[in-house]
């Protein structure tokens, strides 16, 4: 006998919208998407700093079922991507199911009724048999621990809390952080600010990539023939690069990683003319140990006369600027803090309590983890999209979430059929997965010696340590023997 299920989806970013669309495709309408903010879009709503682009080609950074012929360029801006998600939510009928200003503060599972009670910051409570956690990873800003930061008389702001009213034209701007965000901000400010100082603890590996605008004629052709979009989305060269990357990550002394490093080093050697600056920009760790930077113009901007690359240590922030440990002082009006996010938070600080009173904070006392990045023992009918230990890299997380949904949907099918009322992985399956994953993760490029947001508090890479294809294969069909189904 078919059973009607009630769902709560947490988060109206890419993954939450996906979950809503997939439920509607099945004819299931008994769900609500709870969003803490006042609009949808996830990371593309949170981030709107100058220069923001995705490092995945635009036509590859779409849902497989929702191509977008209107992309303006090969790599799209953040605002374009946010508008894409708004349009998809409208086009596929998900928008009416989203409730805004609904921050989840607590989720508690009742074993007797196999029901989750979800409490909001307002005090309102909702019940559902299934929770889809699509809260995302990068949405809790990580502030730098720099002495005197509060004393700065100019405007200091985290990149995810950008203040559009701040005057940038003719300003003296400092950028703290050298990940994708810091590099994108630098490329946007060099043509506006009178002076840009880029404070970086360690230089990055820069992979050269093409960037170009699509013409009106090309967009018209995309509208007329979706196959032209598919030729870009499923381009063999693009997918070969993804496979090369994941193979290089898991086989750090293999030919794939050597090819990646050779391409990046050639880019450095041919692009940066000043030998002193070139050495400042030369990484002293393995490529992809941190997230690889894809840029078509960073080295050009780093060499502009109004740019200073500062690799020394910061002593403190003073009211008028930044003092370095060697005594150098940089007078500044604006300080952009491109210092990333708390990548260990996920749904937290919301509390989650599973079967037998098990707290998520206790389950994650050592590190955030999940069985195949999707489920957790003691937390029945609680499914994560882009949860901990999932694949990370320069590829589309939309594709990752779509693969995960297919996996989750097959588990939920057992509940829909009435064969079970709750499902969770066994402790044995979880322990075996984590032991195998940690052993493999330590041998990946992420564990080769650099500091990055890929590492958990114990220094273990918090990522999928096998190939991209291995993940796709794992998501194709659950091993139902690894699960406990409550009758």
Protein backbone atom coordinates (compact mmCIF):
# COMPACT_ATOMS: atom_id res chain seq x y z
CA UNK A 1 0.00 0.00 0.00
CA UNK A 2 1.43 3.34 -1.08
CA UNK A 3 2.08 5.75 1.74
CA UNK A 4 1.87 9.52 1.43
CA UNK A 5 4.93 11.08 2.98
CA UNK A 6 5.45 14.55 4.37
CA UNK A 7 8.80 16.23 3.65
CA UNK A 8 10.67 19.21 5.04
CA UNK A 9 13.54 20.49 2.91
CA UNK A 10 16.02 22.74 4.72
CA UNK A 11 17.52 25.36 2.44
CA UNK A 12 16.44 26.98 -0.83
CA UNK A 13 19.77 26.91 -2.54
CA UNK A 14 20.76 24.73 -5.47
CA UNK A 15 20.17 21.40 -3.69
CA UNK A 16 16.92 22.39 -1.98
CA UNK A 17 15.43 23.58 -5.25
CA UNK A 18 16.54 20.31 -6.85
CA UNK A 19 14.81 18.24 -4.14
CA UNK A 20 11.58 20.19 -4.60
CA UNK A 21 11.63 19.73 -8.36
CA UNK A 22 12.23 16.00 -8.05
CA UNK A 23 9.36 15.57 -5.59
CA UNK A 24 7.01 17.47 -7.89
CA UNK A 25 8.10 15.26 -10.79
CA UNK A 26 6.80 12.30 -8.78
CA UNK A 27 3.52 14.06 -8.11
CA UNK A 28 4.40 14.62 -4.45
CA UNK A 29 3.30 18.00 -3.17
CA UNK A 30 3.30 17.44 0.59
CA UNK A 31 6.53 19.30 1.27
CA UNK A 32 7.85 22.66 2.40
CA UNK A 33 11.21 24.27 1.72
CA UNK A 34 12.38 26.28 4.73
CA UNK A 35 14.81 29.09 3.93
CA UNK A 36 16.46 31.22 6.63
CA UNK A 37 16.99 34.22 4.33
CA UNK A 38 14.53 36.45 2.48
CA UNK A 39 15.32 35.05 -0.97
CA UNK A 40 16.58 31.87 -2.60
CA UNK A 41 19.96 31.11 -4.13
CA UNK A 42 22.20 29.79 -1.35
CA UNK A 43 25.83 30.70 -1.85
CA UNK A 44 24.92 32.77 -4.92
CA UNK A 45 22.70 34.92 -2.72
CA UNK A 46 25.22 35.19 0.13
CA UNK A 47 28.10 36.18 -2.15
CA UNK A 48 27.89 39.25 -4.36
CA UNK A 49 31.39 40.69 -4.12
CA UNK A 50 33.01 42.38 -7.16
CA UNK A 51 34.40 39.92 -9.68
CA UNK A 52 32.33 36.95 -8.50
CA UNK A 53 32.19 34.16 -11.07
CA UNK A 54 31.81 30.39 -10.94
CA UNK A 55 34.87 28.30 -11.77
CA UNK A 56 32.72 25.80 -13.69
CA UNK A 57 31.71 26.69 -17.28
CA UNK A 58 28.22 28.17 -17.22
CA UNK A 59 26.60 25.59 -19.49
CA UNK A 60 28.01 22.84 -17.26
CA UNK A 61 26.79 24.58 -14.11
CA UNK A 62 23.10 23.92 -14.70
CA UNK A 63 20.65 21.21 -13.79
CA UNK A 64 20.79 18.47 -16.42
CA UNK A 65 17.07 19.02 -17.08
CA UNK A 66 17.18 22.84 -17.23
CA UNK A 67 19.67 24.16 -19.79
CA UNK A 68 20.05 27.93 -19.98
CA UNK A 69 20.58 29.45 -23.42
CA UNK A 70 20.94 32.95 -21.95
CA UNK A 71 24.38 32.74 -20.30
CA UNK A 72 26.32 35.85 -21.21
CA UNK A 73 29.76 34.24 -21.14
CA UNK A 74 31.64 30.97 -20.82
CA UNK A 75 32.08 31.52 -17.06
CA UNK A 76 29.01 33.18 -15.58
CA UNK A 77 28.82 35.85 -12.90
CA UNK A 78 27.34 35.11 -9.51
CA UNK A 79 24.34 37.36 -10.12
CA UNK A 80 23.55 35.54 -13.38
CA UNK A 81 23.67 32.23 -11.56
CA UNK A 82 21.36 33.50 -8.81
CA UNK A 83 18.86 34.65 -11.45
CA UNK A 84 19.08 31.22 -13.08
CA UNK A 85 18.03 29.49 -9.85
CA UNK A 86 15.17 31.97 -9.38
CA UNK A 87 13.93 31.24 -12.90
CA UNK A 88 14.23 27.46 -12.48
CA UNK A 89 12.29 27.58 -9.20
CA UNK A 90 9.54 29.52 -11.01
CA UNK A 91 9.58 27.45 -14.20
CA UNK A 92 9.37 24.12 -12.37
CA UNK A 93 6.74 25.21 -9.87
CA UNK A 94 8.89 25.09 -6.73
CA UNK A 95 8.64 28.75 -5.74
CA UNK A 96 5.22 28.45 -4.00
CA UNK A 97 6.62 25.75 -1.68
CA UNK A 98 9.39 27.97 -0.29
CA UNK A 99 8.89 29.77 3.02
CA UNK A 100 11.35 32.57 3.71
CA UNK A 101 12.59 33.98 7.04
CA UNK A 102 12.27 30.46 8.41
CA UNK A 103 15.54 29.65 10.12
CA UNK A 104 15.65 26.10 11.46
CA UNK A 105 17.00 25.93 15.00
CA UNK A 106 16.11 22.37 16.03
CA UNK A 107 15.24 19.01 14.48
CA UNK A 108 14.16 16.14 16.74
CA UNK A 109 13.15 12.60 15.76
CA UNK A 110 10.44 10.68 17.59
CA UNK A 111 10.98 6.95 17.16
CA UNK A 112 7.46 5.92 18.21
CA UNK A 113 5.83 7.89 15.40
CA UNK A 114 8.83 7.98 13.03
CA UNK A 115 8.35 11.73 12.81
CA UNK A 116 10.72 14.69 12.76
CA UNK A 117 9.69 17.86 14.57
CA UNK A 118 11.40 20.89 13.07
CA UNK A 119 11.43 24.09 15.12
CA UNK A 120 12.00 27.54 13.64
CA UNK A 121 13.62 30.59 15.22
CA UNK A 122 10.12 32.08 15.51
CA UNK A 123 9.07 29.21 17.78
CA UNK A 124 6.85 27.61 15.14
CA UNK A 125 7.07 23.82 14.88
CA UNK A 126 6.41 21.59 11.87
CA UNK A 127 6.31 17.82 11.57
CA UNK A 128 7.41 15.58 8.72
CA UNK A 129 8.38 11.98 8.17
CA UNK A 130 11.41 12.93 6.11
CA UNK A 131 13.95 15.74 6.37
CA UNK A 132 16.09 16.66 3.37
CA UNK A 133 19.04 18.67 4.63
CA UNK A 134 20.10 20.95 1.77
CA UNK A 135 21.69 23.59 3.97
CA UNK A 136 24.91 23.76 1.98
CA UNK A 137 28.49 23.96 3.19
CA UNK A 138 29.84 27.46 2.63
CA UNK A 139 27.45 29.83 4.38
CA UNK A 140 28.99 30.53 7.82
CA UNK A 141 31.71 33.18 7.23
CA UNK A 142 35.08 32.55 8.83
CA UNK A 143 36.54 35.76 10.22
CA UNK A 144 40.33 36.08 10.40
CA UNK A 145 42.03 36.17 13.77
CA UNK A 146 43.99 39.39 13.26
CA UNK A 147 44.83 41.67 16.17
CA UNK A 148 43.27 45.12 15.99
CA UNK A 149 40.74 44.33 13.28
CA UNK A 150 37.98 46.12 15.19
CA UNK A 151 40.09 49.26 15.38
CA UNK A 152 40.14 49.85 11.61
CA UNK A 153 38.63 53.23 10.78
CA UNK A 154 37.91 52.33 7.17
CA UNK A 155 35.41 49.69 6.06
CA UNK A 156 36.33 46.07 6.79
CA UNK A 157 33.92 43.42 5.52
CA UNK A 158 33.83 39.69 4.86
CA UNK A 159 33.42 38.83 1.20
CA UNK A 160 30.09 37.09 1.95
CA UNK A 161 28.77 40.22 3.67
CA UNK A 162 29.71 42.68 0.97
CA UNK A 163 28.54 46.26 1.42
CA UNK A 164 27.60 47.65 -1.98
CA UNK A 165 27.61 51.21 -0.62
CA UNK A 166 31.37 51.18 0.05
CA UNK A 167 33.27 53.51 -2.25
CA UNK A 168 35.82 51.54 -4.28
CA UNK A 169 36.69 53.97 -7.06
CA UNK A 170 39.94 55.71 -6.14
CA UNK A 171 40.13 53.88 -2.82
CA UNK A 172 43.11 52.20 -1.21
CA UNK A 173 41.97 48.60 -0.85
CA UNK A 174 43.44 45.61 0.93
CA UNK A 175 42.39 42.01 0.33
CA UNK A 176 43.08 39.35 2.95
CA UNK A 177 42.94 35.85 1.50
CA UNK A 178 44.14 34.18 -1.67
CA UNK A 179 41.49 31.64 -2.53
CA UNK A 180 39.19 31.99 -5.52
CA UNK A 181 37.34 34.82 -3.78
CA UNK A 182 40.42 36.92 -3.02
CA UNK A 183 41.74 36.47 -6.53
CA UNK A 184 38.39 37.40 -8.11
CA UNK A 185 38.09 40.51 -5.94
CA UNK A 186 41.61 41.59 -6.93
CA UNK A 187 40.86 41.25 -10.64
CA UNK A 188 37.74 43.40 -10.18
CA UNK A 189 39.38 46.15 -8.12
CA UNK A 190 42.59 46.87 -10.02
CA UNK A 191 40.74 48.97 -12.59
CA UNK A 192 38.85 50.91 -9.92
CA UNK A 193 40.97 51.33 -6.80
CA UNK A 194 43.95 53.65 -6.66
CA UNK A 195 45.90 51.02 -4.76
CA UNK A 196 45.33 47.31 -4.09
CA UNK A 197 47.35 45.31 -1.57
CA UNK A 198 46.81 41.56 -1.73
CA UNK A 199 47.76 39.89 1.56
CA UNK A 200 48.35 36.19 0.96
CA UNK A 201 49.83 33.64 3.34
CA UNK A 202 50.71 31.36 0.44
CA UNK A 203 50.45 31.85 -3.34
CA UNK A 204 48.12 29.71 -5.40
CA UNK A 205 48.40 27.32 -8.30
CA UNK A 206 46.64 29.11 -11.16
CA UNK A 207 45.17 27.00 -13.96
CA UNK A 208 44.76 29.08 -17.15
CA UNK A 209 41.28 28.84 -18.67
CA UNK A 210 39.48 30.58 -21.53
CA UNK A 211 36.84 33.25 -20.97
CA UNK A 212 34.70 34.82 -23.67
CA UNK A 213 31.28 36.33 -24.17
CA UNK A 214 28.53 34.57 -26.08
CA UNK A 215 27.10 36.62 -28.95
CA UNK A 216 23.42 37.35 -29.50
CA UNK A 217 23.59 35.01 -32.47
CA UNK A 218 24.99 32.18 -30.34
CA UNK A 219 22.30 32.64 -27.68
CA UNK A 220 19.63 32.58 -30.39
CA UNK A 221 21.12 29.34 -31.69
CA UNK A 222 21.11 27.86 -28.16
CA UNK A 223 17.40 28.70 -27.82
CA UNK A 224 16.66 27.03 -31.12
CA UNK A 225 18.70 23.87 -30.64
CA UNK A 226 19.43 22.51 -27.16
CA UNK A 227 21.91 20.07 -28.68
CA UNK A 228 24.31 22.98 -29.09
CA UNK A 229 24.20 23.49 -25.33
CA UNK A 230 24.73 19.77 -24.72
CA UNK A 231 27.85 19.93 -26.88
CA UNK A 232 29.28 22.39 -24.33
CA UNK A 233 27.88 20.77 -21.18
CA UNK A 234 29.10 17.32 -22.13
CA UNK A 235 32.21 18.47 -23.97
CA UNK A 236 34.81 15.69 -23.93
CA UNK A 237 37.68 18.07 -23.15
CA UNK A 238 35.81 19.45 -20.12
CA UNK A 239 35.00 16.00 -18.74
CA UNK A 240 38.50 14.73 -19.49
CA UNK A 241 39.79 17.62 -17.33
CA UNK A 242 37.48 16.55 -14.48
CA UNK A 243 38.65 12.95 -14.69
CA UNK A 244 42.27 14.12 -14.92
CA UNK A 245 41.75 16.22 -11.80
CA UNK A 246 40.13 13.49 -9.69
CA UNK A 247 42.63 10.89 -10.90
CA UNK A 248 45.45 13.30 -10.04
CA UNK A 249 44.02 13.95 -6.58
CA UNK A 250 43.90 10.24 -5.79
CA UNK A 251 47.22 9.34 -7.46
CA UNK A 252 49.47 12.22 -6.48
CA UNK A 253 52.60 10.90 -8.19
CA UNK A 254 50.80 9.88 -11.37
CA UNK A 255 50.92 11.52 -14.81
CA UNK A 256 47.62 13.39 -14.29
CA UNK A 257 48.92 15.45 -11.38
CA UNK A 258 52.18 16.12 -13.20
CA UNK A 259 50.21 17.42 -16.17
CA UNK A 260 48.18 19.73 -13.90
CA UNK A 261 51.30 21.10 -12.24
CA UNK A 262 53.10 21.52 -15.56
CA UNK A 263 50.19 23.53 -17.00
CA UNK A 264 50.06 25.80 -13.94
CA UNK A 265 53.82 26.32 -13.77
CA UNK A 266 53.99 27.09 -17.48
CA UNK A 267 51.25 29.65 -16.91
CA UNK A 268 53.32 31.28 -14.15
CA UNK A 269 56.57 31.27 -16.13
CA UNK A 270 55.10 32.74 -19.30
CA UNK A 271 52.70 35.21 -17.67
CA UNK A 272 54.75 36.91 -14.95
CA UNK A 273 57.69 38.88 -16.33
CA UNK A 274 59.26 40.23 -13.13
CA UNK A 275 61.42 37.43 -11.64
CA UNK A 276 60.98 38.75 -8.08
CA UNK A 277 57.20 38.84 -8.37
CA UNK A 278 57.24 35.46 -10.10
CA UNK A 279 58.93 33.88 -7.10
CA UNK A 280 56.46 35.57 -4.77
CA UNK A 281 53.68 33.92 -6.72
CA UNK A 282 55.29 30.47 -6.89
CA UNK A 283 53.53 27.89 -4.66
CA UNK A 284 55.65 25.75 -2.32
CA UNK A 285 53.12 22.90 -2.00
CA UNK A 286 51.53 20.44 -4.42
CA UNK A 287 48.89 21.58 -6.90
CA UNK A 288 45.27 21.00 -5.81
CA UNK A 289 46.32 20.54 -2.17
CA UNK A 290 44.24 23.69 -1.76
CA UNK A 291 41.35 24.26 -4.15
CA UNK A 292 42.88 24.81 -7.59
CA UNK A 293 42.31 28.34 -8.91
CA UNK A 294 40.89 28.69 -12.40
CA UNK A 295 41.60 32.16 -13.79
CA UNK A 296 42.07 33.71 -17.19
CA UNK A 297 43.46 37.04 -15.93
CA UNK A 298 44.87 36.91 -12.37
CA UNK A 299 48.53 37.18 -13.32
CA UNK A 300 47.77 40.13 -15.63
CA UNK A 301 46.11 41.99 -12.77
CA UNK A 302 48.76 41.02 -10.21
CA UNK A 303 51.36 42.80 -12.36
CA UNK A 304 49.52 46.10 -12.61
CA UNK A 305 51.41 49.11 -11.19
CA UNK A 306 48.77 49.86 -8.53
CA UNK A 307 48.98 46.30 -7.09
CA UNK A 308 51.22 45.11 -4.27
CA UNK A 309 51.50 41.39 -3.54
CA UNK A 310 52.26 41.05 0.16
CA UNK A 311 53.39 37.59 1.29
CA UNK A 312 54.75 38.62 4.67
CA UNK A 313 52.88 38.04 7.91
CA UNK A 314 50.37 40.56 9.23
CA UNK A 315 51.28 41.89 12.68
CA UNK A 316 48.04 43.77 13.30
CA UNK A 317 45.39 46.02 11.85
CA UNK A 318 45.64 49.65 12.92
CA UNK A 319 43.05 52.44 12.56
CA UNK A 320 44.59 53.64 9.28
CA UNK A 321 45.70 50.35 7.75
CA UNK A 322 47.68 47.13 8.12
CA UNK A 323 51.06 46.73 9.86
CA UNK A 324 53.24 43.84 8.70
CA UNK A 325 55.57 41.83 10.95
CA UNK A 326 58.57 43.40 9.21
CA UNK A 327 57.27 46.87 10.12
CA UNK A 328 55.90 47.77 6.68
CA UNK A 329 52.65 49.76 6.91
CA UNK A 330 49.92 49.80 4.25
CA UNK A 331 47.50 52.72 4.58
CA UNK A 332 44.03 51.57 3.50
CA UNK A 333 40.43 52.74 3.17
CA UNK A 334 38.81 49.35 2.55
CA UNK A 335 39.70 45.89 3.83
CA UNK A 336 38.09 42.92 2.06
CA UNK A 337 38.24 39.75 4.16
CA UNK A 338 38.22 36.89 1.67
CA UNK A 339 38.86 34.39 4.43
CA UNK A 340 36.35 31.69 3.57
CA UNK A 341 33.77 29.83 5.58
CA UNK A 342 33.34 27.41 8.47
CA UNK A 343 33.26 24.30 6.32
CA UNK A 344 32.41 22.05 9.28
CA UNK A 345 29.03 23.63 10.08
CA UNK A 346 26.54 22.31 7.48
CA UNK A 347 23.12 22.50 9.22
CA UNK A 348 24.65 23.68 12.48
CA UNK A 349 24.21 25.75 14.68
CA UNK A 350 20.78 24.14 14.51
CA UNK A 351 20.58 21.19 16.91
CA UNK A 352 19.62 17.80 15.49
CA UNK A 353 18.56 14.94 17.77
CA UNK A 354 18.05 11.49 16.31
CA UNK A 355 16.94 8.07 17.49
CA UNK A 356 17.57 7.37 21.16
CA UNK A 357 18.37 11.02 21.85
CA UNK A 358 21.60 10.94 19.83
CA UNK A 359 22.82 14.49 19.15
CA UNK A 360 24.39 15.41 15.84
CA UNK A 361 27.06 17.39 17.70
CA UNK A 362 28.04 14.15 19.47
CA UNK A 363 28.01 12.16 16.23
CA UNK A 364 30.27 14.83 14.76
CA UNK A 365 32.42 15.34 17.86
CA UNK A 366 35.58 14.33 15.97
CA UNK A 367 34.59 15.43 12.46
CA UNK A 368 31.48 15.95 10.32
CA UNK A 369 30.86 12.82 8.32
CA UNK A 370 28.09 10.86 6.65
CA UNK A 371 27.71 7.47 5.01
CA UNK A 372 28.54 8.11 1.35
CA UNK A 373 28.01 11.81 2.19
CA UNK A 374 24.24 11.25 2.42
CA UNK A 375 23.00 9.46 5.58
CA UNK A 376 23.91 8.90 9.25
CA UNK A 377 23.30 6.08 11.75
CA UNK A 378 20.81 7.04 14.48
CA UNK A 379 19.28 9.73 12.28
CA UNK A 380 16.50 7.94 10.39
CA UNK A 381 14.86 9.52 7.35
CA UNK A 382 17.42 12.35 7.45
CA UNK A 383 19.10 12.78 4.09
CA UNK A 384 21.86 15.23 3.17
CA UNK A 385 22.61 16.66 -0.26
CA UNK A 386 26.23 17.80 -0.60
CA UNK A 387 26.82 16.63 2.94
CA UNK A 388 30.17 15.92 4.60
CA UNK A 389 32.74 13.68 2.84
CA UNK A 390 31.29 14.38 -0.60
CA UNK A 391 33.42 15.07 -3.67
CA UNK A 392 35.10 18.47 -3.86
CA UNK A 393 36.97 20.04 -6.75
CA UNK A 394 36.64 22.14 -9.85
CA UNK A 395 33.47 20.52 -11.11
CA UNK A 396 29.75 21.15 -10.78
CA UNK A 397 28.19 20.33 -7.42
CA UNK A 398 24.85 20.37 -9.23
CA UNK A 399 25.85 17.11 -10.89
CA UNK A 400 26.90 15.74 -7.49
CA UNK A 401 23.54 16.68 -5.95
CA UNK A 402 21.62 15.12 -8.85
CA UNK A 403 23.51 11.86 -8.39
CA UNK A 404 22.83 11.96 -4.65
CA UNK A 405 19.12 12.56 -5.19
CA UNK A 406 18.86 9.41 -7.31
CA UNK A 407 20.40 7.50 -4.42
CA UNK A 408 18.16 9.10 -1.79
CA UNK A 409 15.07 8.58 -3.91
CA UNK A 410 15.66 4.83 -4.00
CA UNK A 411 15.86 4.71 -0.20
CA UNK A 412 12.68 6.76 0.13
CA UNK A 413 10.95 4.36 -2.29
CA UNK A 414 11.00 1.72 0.47
CA UNK A 415 9.13 4.17 2.68
CA UNK A 416 6.70 5.18 -0.05
CA UNK A 417 5.85 1.53 -0.65
CA UNK A 418 4.99 1.08 3.01
CA UNK A 419 7.63 -1.63 3.45
CA UNK A 420 9.32 0.43 6.16
CA UNK A 421 8.71 3.62 8.06
CA UNK A 422 12.30 4.61 8.78
CA UNK A 423 15.69 4.04 7.23
CA UNK A 424 19.25 4.73 8.38
CA UNK A 425 22.67 3.21 7.70
CA UNK A 426 23.94 0.63 10.17
CA UNK A 427 26.76 1.53 12.54
CA UNK A 428 28.83 -1.30 11.03
CA UNK A 429 28.45 0.10 7.51
CA UNK A 430 29.28 3.62 8.71
CA UNK A 431 32.38 2.49 10.63
CA UNK A 432 33.67 0.47 7.68
CA UNK A 433 33.10 3.40 5.30
CA UNK A 434 34.86 5.91 7.55
CA UNK A 435 37.84 3.65 8.19
CA UNK A 436 38.30 3.07 4.49
CA UNK A 437 37.65 6.72 3.60
CA UNK A 438 40.08 8.18 6.15
CA UNK A 439 42.84 5.81 5.09
CA UNK A 440 42.33 6.77 1.43
CA UNK A 441 41.88 10.48 2.17
CA UNK A 442 45.25 10.75 3.89
CA UNK A 443 46.88 9.52 0.68
CA UNK A 444 45.20 12.08 -1.58
CA UNK A 445 46.73 15.36 -2.66
CA UNK A 446 44.57 17.10 -0.02
CA UNK A 447 46.64 15.39 2.67
CA UNK A 448 50.00 16.22 1.14
CA UNK A 449 50.97 18.97 3.57
CA UNK A 450 49.23 22.29 2.95
CA UNK A 451 46.60 23.99 5.08
CA UNK A 452 43.19 24.28 3.47
CA UNK A 453 39.47 24.25 4.22
CA UNK A 454 39.42 20.66 2.92
CA UNK A 455 40.96 19.48 6.21
CA UNK A 456 39.01 18.68 9.35
CA UNK A 457 40.20 19.63 12.85
CA UNK A 458 42.39 16.52 13.04
CA UNK A 459 44.08 17.21 9.70
CA UNK A 460 42.18 14.53 7.76
CA UNK A 461 40.81 15.65 4.37
CA UNK A 462 37.02 15.90 4.75
CA UNK A 463 36.33 14.75 1.22
CA UNK A 464 35.53 11.86 -1.06
CA UNK A 465 38.95 10.27 -1.63
CA UNK A 466 38.20 8.15 -4.70
CA UNK A 467 37.51 8.96 -8.33
CA UNK A 468 34.57 10.89 -9.72
CA UNK A 469 33.34 7.76 -11.45
CA UNK A 470 33.54 5.83 -8.18
CA UNK A 471 31.14 8.33 -6.66
CA UNK A 472 28.75 8.13 -9.60
CA UNK A 473 28.81 4.33 -9.33
CA UNK A 474 28.19 4.45 -5.56
CA UNK A 475 25.17 6.71 -6.08
CA UNK A 476 23.66 4.54 -8.85
CA UNK A 477 22.06 2.11 -6.41
CA UNK A 478 22.15 1.84 -2.61
CA UNK A 479 23.55 -1.25 -0.97
CA UNK A 480 20.39 -1.97 0.99
CA UNK A 481 22.31 -4.41 3.20
CA UNK A 482 24.13 -1.39 4.61
CA UNK A 483 20.82 0.01 5.92
CA UNK A 484 18.50 -0.61 8.82
CA UNK A 485 14.84 -0.48 7.84
CA UNK A 486 12.35 -0.10 10.70
CA UNK A 487 9.18 -2.07 10.01
